[in-house]
Amino acid sequence: MVERMKALLNDEEGATMVEYALMLALIAVVAITAVGLIGTNVTAKFNEAADALTST
């Protein structure tokens, strides 16, 4: 029984899963932020183009 408890305490699979989950969450936040910023810039450019077309 003691050996089983030692094995469970030394098991690092759970920690690795948590690290991967944190990395995945960080990547998702960065991707969402980047898409949001790019989307805002693209919308502004399309609006400029539309304004230029309607003013001529």
N, C-alpha and C. Protein backbone atom coordinates (compact mmCIF):
# COMPACT_ATOMS: atom_id res chain seq x y z
N MET A 1 0.82 -1.20 0.00
CA MET A 1 0.00 0.00 0.00
C MET A 1 0.87 1.26 0.00
N VAL A 2 1.95 1.22 0.77
CA VAL A 2 2.85 2.37 0.85
C VAL A 2 3.50 2.60 -0.51
N GLU A 3 3.87 1.54 -1.18
CA GLU A 3 4.49 1.67 -2.50
C GLU A 3 3.51 2.32 -3.49
N ARG A 4 2.25 1.94 -3.39
CA ARG A 4 1.23 2.52 -4.28
C ARG A 4 1.08 4.02 -4.02
N MET A 5 1.12 4.43 -2.76
CA MET A 5 1.00 5.85 -2.42
C MET A 5 2.22 6.62 -2.93
N LYS A 6 3.41 6.03 -2.81
CA LYS A 6 4.62 6.68 -3.32
C LYS A 6 4.53 6.85 -4.83
N ALA A 7 4.03 5.83 -5.50
CA ALA A 7 3.89 5.90 -6.96
C ALA A 7 2.92 7.00 -7.36
N LEU A 8 1.82 7.14 -6.64
CA LEU A 8 0.85 8.19 -6.94
C LEU A 8 1.43 9.58 -6.69
N LEU A 9 2.23 9.72 -5.66
CA LEU A 9 2.83 11.02 -5.35
C LEU A 9 3.90 11.40 -6.38
N ASN A 10 4.57 10.42 -6.94
CA ASN A 10 5.62 10.68 -7.92
C ASN A 10 5.08 10.78 -9.34
N ASP A 11 3.82 10.48 -9.54
CA ASP A 11 3.23 10.52 -10.88
C ASP A 11 3.08 11.97 -11.32
N GLU A 12 3.65 12.30 -12.49
CA GLU A 12 3.61 13.68 -12.98
C GLU A 12 2.71 13.84 -14.20
N GLU A 13 1.94 12.84 -14.55
CA GLU A 13 1.06 12.95 -15.72
C GLU A 13 0.02 14.03 -15.54
N GLY A 14 -0.55 14.16 -14.37
CA GLY A 14 -1.55 15.19 -14.12
C GLY A 14 -0.98 16.59 -14.27
N ALA A 15 0.24 16.78 -13.79
CA ALA A 15 0.89 18.09 -13.91
C ALA A 15 1.14 18.42 -15.37
N THR A 16 1.53 17.44 -16.15
CA THR A 16 1.77 17.66 -17.57
C THR A 16 0.47 18.05 -18.27
N MET A 17 -0.61 17.40 -17.92
CA MET A 17 -1.90 17.74 -18.52
C MET A 17 -2.31 19.17 -18.18
N VAL A 18 -2.07 19.57 -16.96
CA VAL A 18 -2.40 20.94 -16.55
C VAL A 18 -1.55 21.93 -17.32
N GLU A 19 -0.27 21.62 -17.50
CA GLU A 19 0.60 22.52 -18.27
C GLU A 19 0.12 22.65 -19.71
N TYR A 20 -0.26 21.55 -20.33
CA TYR A 20 -0.77 21.60 -21.69
C TYR A 20 -2.08 22.39 -21.77
N ALA A 21 -2.93 22.24 -20.77
CA ALA A 21 -4.19 22.98 -20.75
C ALA A 21 -3.93 24.48 -20.62
N LEU A 22 -2.96 24.85 -19.79
CA LEU A 22 -2.62 26.27 -19.64
C LEU A 22 -2.04 26.84 -20.93
N MET A 23 -1.17 26.06 -21.58
CA MET A 23 -0.61 26.53 -22.85
C MET A 23 -1.70 26.69 -23.90
N LEU A 24 -2.62 25.73 -23.96
CA LEU A 24 -3.72 25.81 -24.91
C LEU A 24 -4.59 27.03 -24.64
N ALA A 25 -4.87 27.31 -23.39
CA ALA A 25 -5.68 28.47 -23.04
C ALA A 25 -4.95 29.77 -23.43
N LEU A 26 -3.66 29.83 -23.19
CA LEU A 26 -2.89 31.03 -23.54
C LEU A 26 -2.86 31.23 -25.06
N ILE A 27 -2.67 30.15 -25.80
CA ILE A 27 -2.67 30.24 -27.26
C ILE A 27 -4.03 30.70 -27.77
N ALA A 28 -5.10 30.19 -27.16
CA ALA A 28 -6.45 30.59 -27.58
C ALA A 28 -6.68 32.08 -27.32
N VAL A 29 -6.23 32.58 -26.18
CA VAL A 29 -6.40 34.00 -25.86
C VAL A 29 -5.63 34.86 -26.85
N VAL A 30 -4.41 34.47 -27.16
CA VAL A 30 -3.60 35.24 -28.11
C VAL A 30 -4.24 35.21 -29.50
N ALA A 31 -4.73 34.04 -29.92
CA ALA A 31 -5.35 33.93 -31.24
C ALA A 31 -6.62 34.77 -31.32
N ILE A 32 -7.44 34.73 -30.31
CA ILE A 32 -8.69 35.51 -30.31
C ILE A 32 -8.38 37.00 -30.34
N THR A 33 -7.39 37.43 -29.56
CA THR A 33 -7.00 38.84 -29.55
C THR A 33 -6.48 39.27 -30.92
N ALA A 34 -5.64 38.43 -31.53
CA ALA A 34 -5.07 38.77 -32.84
C ALA A 34 -6.16 38.85 -33.89
N VAL A 35 -7.08 37.91 -33.90
CA VAL A 35 -8.17 37.93 -34.88
C VAL A 35 -9.05 39.16 -34.67
N GLY A 36 -9.29 39.51 -33.42
CA GLY A 36 -10.09 40.70 -33.13
C GLY A 36 -9.43 41.97 -33.64
N LEU A 37 -8.13 42.11 -33.40
CA LEU A 37 -7.41 43.30 -33.86
C LEU A 37 -7.33 43.35 -35.38
N ILE A 38 -7.03 42.23 -36.00
CA ILE A 38 -6.96 42.18 -37.46
C ILE A 38 -8.33 42.48 -38.06
N GLY A 39 -9.37 41.92 -37.46
CA GLY A 39 -10.72 42.17 -37.95
C GLY A 39 -11.09 43.64 -37.89
N THR A 40 -10.70 44.30 -36.81
CA THR A 40 -10.97 45.74 -36.68
C THR A 40 -10.25 46.53 -37.76
N ASN A 41 -8.99 46.18 -37.99
CA ASN A 41 -8.22 46.89 -39.02
C ASN A 41 -8.77 46.63 -40.42
N VAL A 42 -9.17 45.41 -40.69
CA VAL A 42 -9.73 45.08 -42.01
C VAL A 42 -11.05 45.81 -42.22
N THR A 43 -11.87 45.88 -41.18
CA THR A 43 -13.14 46.59 -41.28
C THR A 43 -12.90 48.07 -41.59
N ALA A 44 -11.91 48.65 -40.94
CA ALA A 44 -11.59 50.05 -41.20
C ALA A 44 -11.15 50.26 -42.64
N LYS A 45 -10.34 49.36 -43.16
CA LYS A 45 -9.87 49.48 -44.55
C LYS A 45 -11.03 49.33 -45.54
N PHE A 46 -11.93 48.38 -45.29
CA PHE A 46 -13.09 48.21 -46.17
C PHE A 46 -13.98 49.44 -46.13
N ASN A 47 -14.14 50.03 -44.95
CA ASN A 47 -14.94 51.25 -44.84
C ASN A 47 -14.30 52.40 -45.61
N GLU A 48 -12.96 52.51 -45.54
CA GLU A 48 -12.26 53.53 -46.32
C GLU A 48 -12.49 53.32 -47.81
N ALA A 49 -12.38 52.07 -48.23
CA ALA A 49 -12.59 51.76 -49.67
C ALA A 49 -14.03 52.08 -50.09
N ALA A 50 -14.98 51.74 -49.24
CA ALA A 50 -16.38 52.00 -49.57
C ALA A 50 -16.64 53.51 -49.63
N ASP A 51 -16.08 54.25 -48.73
CA ASP A 51 -16.24 55.70 -48.74
C ASP A 51 -15.61 56.30 -49.98
N ALA A 52 -14.44 55.79 -50.37
CA ALA A 52 -13.78 56.30 -51.58
C ALA A 52 -14.61 56.01 -52.83
N LEU A 53 -15.24 54.84 -52.87
CA LEU A 53 -16.05 54.48 -54.03
C LEU A 53 -17.33 55.31 -54.10
N THR A 54 -17.94 55.58 -52.96
CA THR A 54 -19.21 56.35 -52.96
C THR A 54 -18.97 57.83 -53.18
N SER A 55 -17.77 58.32 -52.88
CA SER A 55 -17.52 59.76 -53.06
C SER A 55 -17.17 60.12 -54.50
N THR A 56 -16.87 59.14 -55.33
CA THR A 56 -16.52 59.45 -56.72
C THR A 56 -17.70 59.41 -57.64
